[in-house]
Amino acid sequence: MLAHGGIALLAVVFALAAATVSLAGAVAVEVVRVLQQSLYDPETGGGILQFTIFGTDVAYAYILQTAIVVALVAAALFGLWRVTRGALRTCPECHSEIPREASICRYCTTELAAMED
């Protein structure tokens, strides 16, 4: 990536990844907050998103929040992979990645056969 003038591209990818994780974190915080409010038990003064071990209350809302963030980021990565997986193909001569629509390899100038969809 860096060999093809990718320092700026790398910075953009890093910024987009940080923004995606931040957005997923914000969504997860709101989902867990709504769950805590809807599952609040006024009799015990606590929510259902906690359990007690040896007299110590353990809130697993943060674990649930982190699981939601991981699921959202994984879904975003999978969606990106599905969109971009068919954009490139490999040249049979020099084995470089070239656009699927190319009829001549840009690296070794080999004539390429048309791809069937």
PDB file of N, CA and C in Angstrom:
ATOM      1  N   MET A   1       0.830  -1.187   0.000  1.00  0.00           N
ATOM      2  CA  MET A   1       0.000   0.000   0.000  1.00  0.00           C
ATOM      3  C   MET A   1       0.877   1.254   0.000  1.00  0.00           C
ATOM      4  N   LEU A   2       1.926   1.231   0.785  1.00  0.00           N
ATOM      5  CA  LEU A   2       2.790   2.404   0.854  1.00  0.00           C
ATOM      6  C   LEU A   2       3.595   2.603  -0.421  1.00  0.00           C
ATOM      7  N   ALA A   3       3.865   1.531  -1.160  1.00  0.00           N
ATOM      8  CA  ALA A   3       4.656   1.635  -2.375  1.00  0.00           C
ATOM      9  C   ALA A   3       3.914   2.360  -3.487  1.00  0.00           C
ATOM     10  N   HIS A   4       2.617   2.387  -3.445  1.00  0.00           N
ATOM     11  CA  HIS A   4       1.816   3.029  -4.477  1.00  0.00           C
ATOM     12  C   HIS A   4       1.309   4.398  -4.020  1.00  0.00           C
ATOM     13  N   GLY A   5       2.109   5.129  -3.266  1.00  0.00           N
ATOM     14  CA  GLY A   5       1.733   6.464  -2.811  1.00  0.00           C
ATOM     15  C   GLY A   5       0.643   6.419  -1.761  1.00  0.00           C
ATOM     16  N   GLY A   6       0.738   5.465  -0.861  1.00  0.00           N
ATOM     17  CA  GLY A   6      -0.365   5.209   0.036  1.00  0.00           C
ATOM     18  C   GLY A   6      -0.269   5.802   1.421  1.00  0.00           C
ATOM     19  N   ILE A   7       0.650   6.728   1.685  1.00  0.00           N
ATOM     20  CA  ILE A   7       0.715   7.303   3.029  1.00  0.00           C
ATOM     21  C   ILE A   7      -0.551   8.109   3.298  1.00  0.00           C
ATOM     22  N   ALA A   8      -0.979   8.890   2.326  1.00  0.00           N
ATOM     23  CA  ALA A   8      -2.228   9.645   2.494  1.00  0.00           C
ATOM     24  C   ALA A   8      -3.415   8.690   2.566  1.00  0.00           C
ATOM     25  N   LEU A   9      -3.394   7.648   1.746  1.00  0.00           N
ATOM     26  CA  LEU A   9      -4.462   6.655   1.776  1.00  0.00           C
ATOM     27  C   LEU A   9      -4.496   5.936   3.118  1.00  0.00           C
ATOM     28  N   LEU A  10      -3.335   5.621   3.646  1.00  0.00           N
ATOM     29  CA  LEU A  10      -3.250   4.973   4.952  1.00  0.00           C
ATOM     30  C   LEU A  10      -3.812   5.871   6.046  1.00  0.00           C
ATOM     31  N   ALA A  11      -3.535   7.166   5.971  1.00  0.00           N
ATOM     32  CA  ALA A  11      -4.082   8.109   6.952  1.00  0.00           C
ATOM     33  C   ALA A  11      -5.600   8.184   6.849  1.00  0.00           C
ATOM     34  N   VAL A  12      -6.121   8.181   5.634  1.00  0.00           N
ATOM     35  CA  VAL A  12      -7.573   8.224   5.449  1.00  0.00           C
ATOM     36  C   VAL A  12      -8.219   6.946   5.973  1.00  0.00           C
ATOM     37  N   VAL A  13      -7.621   5.800   5.681  1.00  0.00           N
ATOM     38  CA  VAL A  13      -8.157   4.529   6.163  1.00  0.00           C
ATOM     39  C   VAL A  13      -8.142   4.492   7.688  1.00  0.00           C
ATOM     40  N   PHE A  14      -7.061   4.952   8.289  1.00  0.00           N
ATOM     41  CA  PHE A  14      -6.981   4.979   9.752  1.00  0.00           C
ATOM     42  C   PHE A  14      -8.042   5.903  10.344  1.00  0.00           C
ATOM     43  N   ALA A  15      -8.248   7.071   9.746  1.00  0.00           N
ATOM     44  CA  ALA A  15      -9.257   8.005  10.242  1.00  0.00           C
ATOM     45  C   ALA A  15     -10.661   7.420  10.105  1.00  0.00           C
ATOM     46  N   LEU A  16     -10.937   6.755   8.988  1.00  0.00           N
ATOM     47  CA  LEU A  16     -12.248   6.132   8.810  1.00  0.00           C
ATOM     48  C   LEU A  16     -12.459   4.978   9.789  1.00  0.00           C
ATOM     49  N   ALA A  17     -11.416   4.218  10.055  1.00  0.00           N
ATOM     50  CA  ALA A  17     -11.532   3.129  11.024  1.00  0.00           C
ATOM     51  C   ALA A  17     -11.791   3.669  12.427  1.00  0.00           C
ATOM     52  N   ALA A  18     -11.095   4.730  12.799  1.00  0.00           N
ATOM     53  CA  ALA A  18     -11.313   5.339  14.116  1.00  0.00           C
ATOM     54  C   ALA A  18     -12.728   5.906  14.220  1.00  0.00           C
ATOM     55  N   ALA A  19     -13.211   6.519  13.151  1.00  0.00           N
ATOM     56  CA  ALA A  19     -14.572   7.054  13.157  1.00  0.00           C
ATOM     57  C   ALA A  19     -15.604   5.935  13.252  1.00  0.00           C
ATOM     58  N   THR A  20     -15.355   4.813  12.577  1.00  0.00           N
ATOM     59  CA  THR A  20     -16.281   3.683  12.638  1.00  0.00           C
ATOM     60  C   THR A  20     -16.344   3.096  14.040  1.00  0.00           C
ATOM     61  N   VAL A  21     -15.200   2.938  14.670  1.00  0.00           N
ATOM     62  CA  VAL A  21     -15.174   2.412  16.034  1.00  0.00           C
ATOM     63  C   VAL A  21     -15.851   3.387  16.996  1.00  0.00           C
ATOM     64  N   SER A  22     -15.626   4.678  16.818  1.00  0.00           N
ATOM     65  CA  SER A  22     -16.257   5.679  17.663  1.00  0.00           C
ATOM     66  C   SER A  22     -17.777   5.674  17.487  1.00  0.00           C
ATOM     67  N   LEU A  23     -18.226   5.578  16.247  1.00  0.00           N
ATOM     68  CA  LEU A  23     -19.662   5.534  15.981  1.00  0.00           C
ATOM     69  C   LEU A  23     -20.285   4.266  16.556  1.00  0.00           C
ATOM     70  N   ALA A  24     -19.615   3.138  16.389  1.00  0.00           N
ATOM     71  CA  ALA A  24     -20.122   1.884  16.954  1.00  0.00           C
ATOM     72  C   ALA A  24     -20.172   1.961  18.478  1.00  0.00           C
ATOM     73  N   GLY A  25     -19.183   2.605  19.088  1.00  0.00           N
ATOM     74  CA  GLY A  25     -19.192   2.781  20.546  1.00  0.00           C
ATOM     75  C   GLY A  25     -20.351   3.638  21.015  1.00  0.00           C
ATOM     76  N   ALA A  26     -20.641   4.708  20.284  1.00  0.00           N
ATOM     77  CA  ALA A  26     -21.761   5.579  20.652  1.00  0.00           C
ATOM     78  C   ALA A  26     -23.097   4.845  20.528  1.00  0.00           C
ATOM     79  N   VAL A  27     -23.241   4.057  19.475  1.00  0.00           N
ATOM     80  CA  VAL A  27     -24.474   3.282  19.303  1.00  0.00           C
ATOM     81  C   VAL A  27     -24.609   2.263  20.427  1.00  0.00           C
ATOM     82  N   ALA A  28     -23.526   1.593  20.771  1.00  0.00           N
ATOM     83  CA  ALA A  28     -23.563   0.592  21.833  1.00  0.00           C
ATOM     84  C   ALA A  28     -23.894   1.211  23.180  1.00  0.00           C
ATOM     85  N   VAL A  29     -23.349   2.393  23.470  1.00  0.00           N
ATOM     86  CA  VAL A  29     -23.656   3.073  24.732  1.00  0.00           C
ATOM     87  C   VAL A  29     -25.150   3.372  24.825  1.00  0.00           C
ATOM     88  N   GLU A  30     -25.733   3.832  23.733  1.00  0.00           N
ATOM     89  CA  GLU A  30     -27.163   4.153  23.747  1.00  0.00           C
ATOM     90  C   GLU A  30     -28.021   2.901  23.884  1.00  0.00           C
ATOM     91  N   VAL A  31     -27.638   1.825  23.220  1.00  0.00           N
ATOM     92  CA  VAL A  31     -28.406   0.579  23.323  1.00  0.00           C
ATOM     93  C   VAL A  31     -28.374   0.054  24.750  1.00  0.00           C
ATOM     94  N   VAL A  32     -27.198   0.049  25.361  1.00  0.00           N
ATOM     95  CA  VAL A  32     -27.088  -0.441  26.737  1.00  0.00           C
ATOM     96  C   VAL A  32     -27.816   0.494  27.704  1.00  0.00           C
ATOM     97  N   ARG A  33     -27.774   1.800  27.456  1.00  0.00           N
ATOM     98  CA  ARG A  33     -28.482   2.742  28.321  1.00  0.00           C
ATOM     99  C   ARG A  33     -29.986   2.501  28.266  1.00  0.00           C
ATOM    100  N   VAL A  34     -30.511   2.278  27.080  1.00  0.00           N
ATOM    101  CA  VAL A  34     -31.950   2.002  26.940  1.00  0.00           C
ATOM    102  C   VAL A  34     -32.305   0.680  27.608  1.00  0.00           C
ATOM    103  N   LEU A  35     -31.451  -0.324  27.457  1.00  0.00           N
ATOM    104  CA  LEU A  35     -31.702  -1.596  28.133  1.00  0.00           C
ATOM    105  C   LEU A  35     -31.693  -1.440  29.650  1.00  0.00           C
ATOM    106  N   GLN A  36     -30.752  -0.671  30.170  1.00  0.00           N
ATOM    107  CA  GLN A  36     -30.691  -0.474  31.619  1.00  0.00           C
ATOM    108  C   GLN A  36     -31.925   0.257  32.134  1.00  0.00           C
ATOM    109  N   GLN A  37     -32.401   1.236  31.370  1.00  0.00           N
ATOM    110  CA  GLN A  37     -33.588   1.975  31.796  1.00  0.00           C
ATOM    111  C   GLN A  37     -34.838   1.108  31.723  1.00  0.00           C
ATOM    112  N   SER A  38     -34.947   0.291  30.685  1.00  0.00           N
ATOM    113  CA  SER A  38     -36.158  -0.513  30.541  1.00  0.00           C
ATOM    114  C   SER A  38     -36.155  -1.725  31.466  1.00  0.00           C
ATOM    115  N   LEU A  39     -34.989  -2.184  31.903  1.00  0.00           N
ATOM    116  CA  LEU A  39     -34.906  -3.348  32.775  1.00  0.00           C
ATOM    117  C   LEU A  39     -34.655  -2.978  34.237  1.00  0.00           C
ATOM    118  N   TYR A  40     -34.860  -1.725  34.599  1.00  0.00           N
ATOM    119  CA  TYR A  40     -34.633  -1.264  35.973  1.00  0.00           C
ATOM    120  C   TYR A  40     -35.683  -1.873  36.894  1.00  0.00           C
ATOM    121  N   ASP A  41     -35.232  -2.386  38.007  1.00  0.00           N
ATOM    122  CA  ASP A  41     -36.130  -2.988  38.995  1.00  0.00           C
ATOM    123  C   ASP A  41     -36.215  -2.062  40.207  1.00  0.00           C
ATOM    124  N   PRO A  42     -37.360  -1.373  40.411  1.00  0.00           N
ATOM    125  CA  PRO A  42     -37.450  -0.420  41.521  1.00  0.00           C
ATOM    126  C   PRO A  42     -37.437  -1.082  42.904  1.00  0.00           C
ATOM    127  N   GLU A  43     -37.807  -2.343  42.987  1.00  0.00           N
ATOM    128  CA  GLU A  43     -37.826  -3.015  44.295  1.00  0.00           C
ATOM    129  C   GLU A  43     -36.412  -3.228  44.838  1.00  0.00           C
ATOM    130  N   THR A  44     -35.503  -3.627  43.971  1.00  0.00           N
ATOM    131  CA  THR A  44     -34.135  -3.880  44.420  1.00  0.00           C
ATOM    132  C   THR A  44     -33.229  -2.670  44.231  1.00  0.00           C
ATOM    133  N   GLY A  45     -33.689  -1.695  43.478  1.00  0.00           N
ATOM    134  CA  GLY A  45     -32.880  -0.511  43.229  1.00  0.00           C
ATOM    135  C   GLY A  45     -31.764  -0.751  42.228  1.00  0.00           C
ATOM    136  N   GLY A  46     -31.849  -1.822  41.474  1.00  0.00           N
ATOM    137  CA  GLY A  46     -30.825  -2.140  40.490  1.00  0.00           C
ATOM    138  C   GLY A  46     -31.445  -2.662  39.215  1.00  0.00           C
ATOM    139  N   GLY A  47     -30.633  -2.908  38.279  1.00  0.00           N
ATOM    140  CA  GLY A  47     -31.099  -3.412  37.003  1.00  0.00           C
ATOM    141  C   GLY A  47     -30.826  -4.895  36.856  1.00  0.00           C
ATOM    142  N   ILE A  48     -31.301  -5.428  35.775  1.00  0.00           N
ATOM    143  CA  ILE A  48     -31.097  -6.842  35.499  1.00  0.00           C
ATOM    144  C   ILE A  48     -29.724  -7.065  34.870  1.00  0.00           C
ATOM    145  N   LEU A  49     -29.072  -6.000  34.410  1.00  0.00           N
ATOM    146  CA  LEU A  49     -27.760  -6.139  33.779  1.00  0.00           C
ATOM    147  C   LEU A  49     -26.633  -6.204  34.811  1.00  0.00           C
ATOM    148  N   GLN A  50     -26.883  -6.908  35.895  1.00  0.00           N
ATOM    149  CA  GLN A  50     -25.860  -7.129  36.902  1.00  0.00           C
ATOM    150  C   GLN A  50     -26.174  -8.407  37.649  1.00  0.00           C
ATOM    151  N   PHE A  51     -25.171  -8.998  38.238  1.00  0.00           N
ATOM    152  CA  PHE A  51     -25.360 -10.178  39.062  1.00  0.00           C
ATOM    153  C   PHE A  51     -24.463 -10.063  40.286  1.00  0.00           C
ATOM    154  N   THR A  52     -24.723 -10.895  41.272  1.00  0.00           N
ATOM    155  CA  THR A  52     -23.997 -10.819  42.539  1.00  0.00           C
ATOM    156  C   THR A  52     -23.174 -12.083  42.740  1.00  0.00           C
ATOM    157  N   ILE A  53     -21.895 -11.879  43.053  1.00  0.00           N
ATOM    158  CA  ILE A  53     -21.003 -12.997  43.389  1.00  0.00           C
ATOM    159  C   ILE A  53     -20.407 -12.707  44.752  1.00  0.00           C
ATOM    160  N   PHE A  54     -20.677 -13.557  45.717  1.00  0.00           N
ATOM    161  CA  PHE A  54     -20.160 -13.433  47.085  1.00  0.00           C
ATOM    162  C   PHE A  54     -20.435 -12.040  47.656  1.00  0.00           C
ATOM    163  N   GLY A  55     -21.619 -11.522  47.410  1.00  0.00           N
ATOM    164  CA  GLY A  55     -22.007 -10.234  47.958  1.00  0.00           C
ATOM    165  C   GLY A  55     -21.540  -9.028  47.166  1.00  0.00           C
ATOM    166  N   THR A  56     -20.866  -9.243  46.069  1.00  0.00           N
ATOM    167  CA  THR A  56     -20.371  -8.144  45.238  1.00  0.00           C
ATOM    168  C   THR A  56     -21.204  -8.062  43.969  1.00  0.00           C
ATOM    169  N   ASP A  57     -21.745  -6.867  43.701  1.00  0.00           N
ATOM    170  CA  ASP A  57     -22.508  -6.668  42.479  1.00  0.00           C
ATOM    171  C   ASP A  57     -21.557  -6.489  41.301  1.00  0.00           C
ATOM    172  N   VAL A  58     -21.774  -7.276  40.268  1.00  0.00           N
ATOM    173  CA  VAL A  58     -20.962  -7.204  39.055  1.00  0.00           C
ATOM    174  C   VAL A  58     -21.878  -6.773  37.908  1.00  0.00           C
ATOM    175  N   ALA A  59     -21.602  -5.598  37.361  1.00  0.00           N
ATOM    176  CA  ALA A  59     -22.391  -5.099  36.236  1.00  0.00           C
ATOM    177  C   ALA A  59     -21.765  -5.582  34.940  1.00  0.00           C
ATOM    178  N   TYR A  60     -22.536  -6.315  34.158  1.00  0.00           N
ATOM    179  CA  TYR A  60     -21.997  -6.782  32.880  1.00  0.00           C
ATOM    180  C   TYR A  60     -22.508  -5.949  31.710  1.00  0.00           C
ATOM    181  N   ALA A  61     -22.932  -4.736  32.002  1.00  0.00           N
ATOM    182  CA  ALA A  61     -23.351  -3.825  30.935  1.00  0.00           C
ATOM    183  C   ALA A  61     -22.170  -3.443  30.051  1.00  0.00           C
ATOM    184  N   TYR A  62     -20.987  -3.290  30.632  1.00  0.00           N
ATOM    185  CA  TYR A  62     -19.803  -2.939  29.839  1.00  0.00           C
ATOM    186  C   TYR A  62     -19.383  -4.079  28.916  1.00  0.00           C
ATOM    187  N   ILE A  63     -19.541  -5.301  29.399  1.00  0.00           N
ATOM    188  CA  ILE A  63     -19.233  -6.458  28.560  1.00  0.00           C
ATOM    189  C   ILE A  63     -20.206  -6.522  27.392  1.00  0.00           C
ATOM    190  N   LEU A  64     -21.489  -6.286  27.663  1.00  0.00           N
ATOM    191  CA  LEU A  64     -22.498  -6.256  26.606  1.00  0.00           C
ATOM    192  C   LEU A  64     -22.217  -5.123  25.623  1.00  0.00           C
ATOM    193  N   GLN A  65     -21.820  -3.984  26.140  1.00  0.00           N
ATOM    194  CA  GLN A  65     -21.494  -2.828  25.302  1.00  0.00           C
ATOM    195  C   GLN A  65     -20.313  -3.139  24.376  1.00  0.00           C
ATOM    196  N   THR A  66     -19.280  -3.763  24.906  1.00  0.00           N
ATOM    197  CA  THR A  66     -18.118  -4.127  24.097  1.00  0.00           C
ATOM    198  C   THR A  66     -18.486  -5.172  23.051  1.00  0.00           C
ATOM    199  N   ALA A  67     -19.339  -6.111  23.393  1.00  0.00           N
ATOM    200  CA  ALA A  67     -19.782  -7.122  22.428  1.00  0.00           C
ATOM    201  C   ALA A  67     -20.562  -6.470  21.284  1.00  0.00           C
ATOM    202  N   ILE A  68     -21.374  -5.476  21.593  1.00  0.00           N
ATOM    203  CA  ILE A  68     -22.113  -4.765  20.546  1.00  0.00           C
ATOM    204  C   ILE A  68     -21.146  -4.013  19.634  1.00  0.00           C
ATOM    205  N   VAL A  69     -20.126  -3.372  20.203  1.00  0.00           N
ATOM    206  CA  VAL A  69     -19.134  -2.650  19.397  1.00  0.00           C
ATOM    207  C   VAL A  69     -18.411  -3.619  18.466  1.00  0.00           C
ATOM    208  N   VAL A  70     -17.984  -4.757  18.983  1.00  0.00           N
ATOM    209  CA  VAL A  70     -17.281  -5.745  18.159  1.00  0.00           C
ATOM    210  C   VAL A  70     -18.185  -6.233  17.033  1.00  0.00           C
ATOM    211  N   ALA A  71     -19.456  -6.505  17.340  1.00  0.00           N
ATOM    212  CA  ALA A  71     -20.388  -6.976  16.314  1.00  0.00           C
ATOM    213  C   ALA A  71     -20.606  -5.913  15.228  1.00  0.00           C
ATOM    214  N   LEU A  72     -20.745  -4.647  15.622  1.00  0.00           N
ATOM    215  CA  LEU A  72     -20.959  -3.589  14.637  1.00  0.00           C
ATOM    216  C   LEU A  72     -19.733  -3.371  13.746  1.00  0.00           C
ATOM    217  N   VAL A  73     -18.544  -3.382  14.334  1.00  0.00           N
ATOM    218  CA  VAL A  73     -17.322  -3.207  13.547  1.00  0.00           C
ATOM    219  C   VAL A  73     -17.121  -4.404  12.617  1.00  0.00           C
ATOM    220  N   ALA A  74     -17.388  -5.614  13.110  1.00  0.00           N
ATOM    221  CA  ALA A  74     -17.264  -6.801  12.259  1.00  0.00           C
ATOM    222  C   ALA A  74     -18.264  -6.746  11.110  1.00  0.00           C
ATOM    223  N   ALA A  75     -19.482  -6.276  11.368  1.00  0.00           N
ATOM    224  CA  ALA A  75     -20.477  -6.150  10.304  1.00  0.00           C
ATOM    225  C   ALA A  75     -20.041  -5.114   9.269  1.00  0.00           C
ATOM    226  N   ALA A  76     -19.445  -4.021   9.719  1.00  0.00           N
ATOM    227  CA  ALA A  76     -18.964  -2.996   8.786  1.00  0.00           C
ATOM    228  C   ALA A  76     -17.817  -3.540   7.930  1.00  0.00           C
ATOM    229  N   LEU A  77     -16.887  -4.269   8.542  1.00  0.00           N
ATOM    230  CA  LEU A  77     -15.778  -4.852   7.782  1.00  0.00           C
ATOM    231  C   LEU A  77     -16.267  -5.901   6.789  1.00  0.00           C
ATOM    232  N   PHE A  78     -17.229  -6.715   7.203  1.00  0.00           N
ATOM    233  CA  PHE A  78     -17.770  -7.728   6.310  1.00  0.00           C
ATOM    234  C   PHE A  78     -18.504  -7.070   5.137  1.00  0.00           C
ATOM    235  N   GLY A  79     -19.264  -6.021   5.412  1.00  0.00           N
ATOM    236  CA  GLY A  79     -19.957  -5.304   4.335  1.00  0.00           C
ATOM    237  C   GLY A  79     -18.983  -4.678   3.358  1.00  0.00           C
ATOM    238  N   LEU A  80     -17.910  -4.092   3.859  1.00  0.00           N
ATOM    239  CA  LEU A  80     -16.882  -3.507   2.991  1.00  0.00           C
ATOM    240  C   LEU A  80     -16.208  -4.578   2.151  1.00  0.00           C
ATOM    241  N   TRP A  81     -15.922  -5.717   2.741  1.00  0.00           N
ATOM    242  CA  TRP A  81     -15.310  -6.814   2.012  1.00  0.00           C
ATOM    243  C   TRP A  81     -16.231  -7.307   0.901  1.00  0.00           C
ATOM    244  N   ARG A  82     -17.542  -7.417   1.195  1.00  0.00           N
ATOM    245  CA  ARG A  82     -18.494  -7.889   0.188  1.00  0.00           C
ATOM    246  C   ARG A  82     -18.587  -6.921  -0.988  1.00  0.00           C
ATOM    247  N   VAL A  83     -18.472  -5.632  -0.717  1.00  0.00           N
ATOM    248  CA  VAL A  83     -18.575  -4.636  -1.778  1.00  0.00           C
ATOM    249  C   VAL A  83     -17.338  -4.654  -2.664  1.00  0.00           C
ATOM    250  N   THR A  84     -16.160  -4.813  -2.074  1.00  0.00           N
ATOM    251  CA  THR A  84     -14.911  -4.671  -2.832  1.00  0.00           C
ATOM    252  C   THR A  84     -14.305  -5.976  -3.318  1.00  0.00           C
ATOM    253  N   ARG A  85     -14.844  -7.119  -2.966  1.00  0.00           N
ATOM    254  CA  ARG A  85     -14.164  -8.373  -3.305  1.00  0.00           C
ATOM    255  C   ARG A  85     -14.160  -8.672  -4.788  1.00  0.00           C
ATOM    256  N   GLY A  86     -15.109  -8.187  -5.558  1.00  0.00           N
ATOM    257  CA  GLY A  86     -15.151  -8.488  -6.973  1.00  0.00           C
ATOM    258  C   GLY A  86     -14.543  -7.413  -7.849  1.00  0.00           C
ATOM    259  N   ALA A  87     -13.892  -6.420  -7.265  1.00  0.00           N
ATOM    260  CA  ALA A  87     -13.373  -5.300  -8.043  1.00  0.00           C
ATOM    261  C   ALA A  87     -12.047  -5.602  -8.737  1.00  0.00           C
ATOM    262  N   LEU A  88     -11.298  -6.578  -8.246  1.00  0.00           N
ATOM    263  CA  LEU A  88      -9.976  -6.871  -8.803  1.00  0.00           C
ATOM    264  C   LEU A  88      -9.883  -8.318  -9.264  1.00  0.00           C
ATOM    265  N   ARG A  89      -8.939  -8.568 -10.161  1.00  0.00           N
ATOM    266  CA  ARG A  89      -8.591  -9.926 -10.552  1.00  0.00           C
ATOM    267  C   ARG A  89      -7.074 -10.003 -10.700  1.00  0.00           C
ATOM    268  N   THR A  90      -6.542 -11.201 -10.862  1.00  0.00           N
ATOM    269  CA  THR A  90      -5.099 -11.416 -10.934  1.00  0.00           C
ATOM    270  C   THR A  90      -4.685 -11.663 -12.377  1.00  0.00           C
ATOM    271  N   CYS A  91      -3.618 -11.014 -12.784  1.00  0.00           N
ATOM    272  CA  CYS A  91      -3.057 -11.212 -14.123  1.00  0.00           C
ATOM    273  C   CYS A  91      -2.432 -12.613 -14.176  1.00  0.00           C
ATOM    274  N   PRO A  92      -2.726 -13.391 -15.222  1.00  0.00           N
ATOM    275  CA  PRO A  92      -2.166 -14.748 -15.285  1.00  0.00           C
ATOM    276  C   PRO A  92      -0.660 -14.777 -15.533  1.00  0.00           C
ATOM    277  N   GLU A  93      -0.076 -13.698 -16.056  1.00  0.00           N
ATOM    278  CA  GLU A  93       1.357 -13.683 -16.359  1.00  0.00           C
ATOM    279  C   GLU A  93       2.202 -13.173 -15.192  1.00  0.00           C
ATOM    280  N   CYS A  94       1.885 -11.959 -14.713  1.00  0.00           N
ATOM    281  CA  CYS A  94       2.729 -11.346 -13.670  1.00  0.00           C
ATOM    282  C   CYS A  94       2.114 -11.446 -12.272  1.00  0.00           C
ATOM    283  N   HIS A  95       0.908 -11.959 -12.161  1.00  0.00           N
ATOM    284  CA  HIS A  95       0.215 -12.188 -10.889  1.00  0.00           C
ATOM    285  C   HIS A  95      -0.027 -10.912 -10.083  1.00  0.00           C
ATOM    286  N   SER A  96      -0.180  -9.805 -10.767  1.00  0.00           N
ATOM    287  CA  SER A  96      -0.482  -8.555 -10.068  1.00  0.00           C
ATOM    288  C   SER A  96      -1.998  -8.344 -10.057  1.00  0.00           C
ATOM    289  N   GLU A  97      -2.449  -7.550  -9.109  1.00  0.00           N
ATOM    290  CA  GLU A  97      -3.867  -7.229  -8.983  1.00  0.00           C
ATOM    291  C   GLU A  97      -4.216  -6.126  -9.965  1.00  0.00           C
ATOM    292  N   ILE A  98      -5.227  -6.357 -10.796  1.00  0.00           N
ATOM    293  CA  ILE A  98      -5.658  -5.371 -11.788  1.00  0.00           C
ATOM    294  C   ILE A  98      -7.177  -5.255 -11.743  1.00  0.00           C
ATOM    295  N   PRO A  99      -7.759  -4.169 -12.241  1.00  0.00           N
ATOM    296  CA  PRO A  99      -9.220  -4.041 -12.255  1.00  0.00           C
ATOM    297  C   PRO A  99      -9.870  -5.157 -13.073  1.00  0.00           C
ATOM    298  N   ARG A 100     -11.037  -5.562 -12.666  1.00  0.00           N
ATOM    299  CA  ARG A 100     -11.756  -6.646 -13.322  1.00  0.00           C
ATOM    300  C   ARG A 100     -12.083  -6.315 -14.781  1.00  0.00           C
ATOM    301  N   GLU A 101     -12.338  -5.050 -15.077  1.00  0.00           N
ATOM    302  CA  GLU A 101     -12.740  -4.645 -16.419  1.00  0.00           C
ATOM    303  C   GLU A 101     -11.560  -4.499 -17.387  1.00  0.00           C
ATOM    304  N   ALA A 102     -10.339  -4.605 -16.914  1.00  0.00           N
ATOM    305  CA  ALA A 102      -9.162  -4.368 -17.749  1.00  0.00           C
ATOM    306  C   ALA A 102      -9.047  -5.431 -18.832  1.00  0.00           C
ATOM    307  N   SER A 103      -8.629  -4.997 -20.038  1.00  0.00           N
ATOM    308  CA  SER A 103      -8.403  -5.938 -21.132  1.00  0.00           C
ATOM    309  C   SER A 103      -6.905  -6.139 -21.382  1.00  0.00           C
ATOM    310  N   ILE A 104      -6.078  -5.233 -20.829  1.00  0.00           N
ATOM    311  CA  ILE A 104      -4.617  -5.339 -20.916  1.00  0.00           C
ATOM    312  C   ILE A 104      -4.050  -5.070 -19.525  1.00  0.00           C
ATOM    313  N   CYS A 105      -3.107  -5.907 -19.091  1.00  0.00           N
ATOM    314  CA  CYS A 105      -2.471  -5.716 -17.786  1.00  0.00           C
ATOM    315  C   CYS A 105      -1.612  -4.468 -17.824  1.00  0.00           C
ATOM    316  N   ARG A 106      -1.753  -3.617 -16.844  1.00  0.00           N
ATOM    317  CA  ARG A 106      -0.981  -2.366 -16.819  1.00  0.00           C
ATOM    318  C   ARG A 106       0.480  -2.574 -16.461  1.00  0.00           C
ATOM    319  N   TYR A 107       0.826  -3.718 -15.922  1.00  0.00           N
ATOM    320  CA  TYR A 107       2.202  -3.954 -15.501  1.00  0.00           C
ATOM    321  C   TYR A 107       3.028  -4.708 -16.546  1.00  0.00           C
ATOM    322  N   CYS A 108       2.428  -5.730 -17.179  1.00  0.00           N
ATOM    323  CA  CYS A 108       3.195  -6.529 -18.138  1.00  0.00           C
ATOM    324  C   CYS A 108       2.616  -6.460 -19.554  1.00  0.00           C
ATOM    325  N   THR A 109       1.568  -5.713 -19.765  1.00  0.00           N
ATOM    326  CA  THR A 109       0.882  -5.491 -21.052  1.00  0.00           C
ATOM    327  C   THR A 109       0.405  -6.780 -21.714  1.00  0.00           C
ATOM    328  N   THR A 110       0.034  -7.770 -20.921  1.00  0.00           N
ATOM    329  CA  THR A 110      -0.523  -8.996 -21.453  1.00  0.00           C
ATOM    330  C   THR A 110      -1.982  -8.771 -21.822  1.00  0.00           C
ATOM    331  N   GLU A 111      -2.393  -9.298 -22.983  1.00  0.00           N
ATOM    332  CA  GLU A 111      -3.790  -9.254 -23.382  1.00  0.00           C
ATOM    333  C   GLU A 111      -4.575 -10.204 -22.476  1.00  0.00           C
ATOM    334  N   LEU A 112      -5.665  -9.723 -21.920  1.00  0.00           N
ATOM    335  CA  LEU A 112      -6.454 -10.528 -20.993  1.00  0.00           C
ATOM    336  C   LEU A 112      -7.762 -10.948 -21.644  1.00  0.00           C
ATOM    337  N   ALA A 113      -8.176 -12.133 -21.350  1.00  0.00           N
ATOM    338  CA  ALA A 113      -9.455 -12.613 -21.860  1.00  0.00           C
ATOM    339  C   ALA A 113     -10.580 -11.925 -21.105  1.00  0.00           C
ATOM    340  N   ALA A 114     -11.728 -11.803 -21.758  1.00  0.00           N
ATOM    341  CA  ALA A 114     -12.894 -11.194 -21.106  1.00  0.00           C
ATOM    342  C   ALA A 114     -13.365 -12.092 -19.978  1.00  0.00           C
ATOM    343  N   MET A 115     -13.765 -11.475 -18.864  1.00  0.00           N
ATOM    344  CA  MET A 115     -14.239 -12.221 -17.704  1.00  0.00           C
ATOM    345  C   MET A 115     -15.732 -12.471 -17.831  1.00  0.00           C
ATOM    346  N   GLU A 116     -16.159 -13.708 -17.559  1.00  0.00           N
ATOM    347  CA  GLU A 116     -17.588 -14.011 -17.524  1.00  0.00           C
ATOM    348  C   GLU A 116     -18.095 -13.751 -16.123  1.00  0.00           C
ATOM    349  N   ASP A 117     -19.273 -13.159 -16.024  1.00  0.00           N
ATOM    350  CA  ASP A 117     -19.850 -12.884 -14.706  1.00  0.00           C
ATOM    351  C   ASP A 117     -20.649 -14.030 -14.194  1.00  0.00           C
TER     352      ASP A 117
END
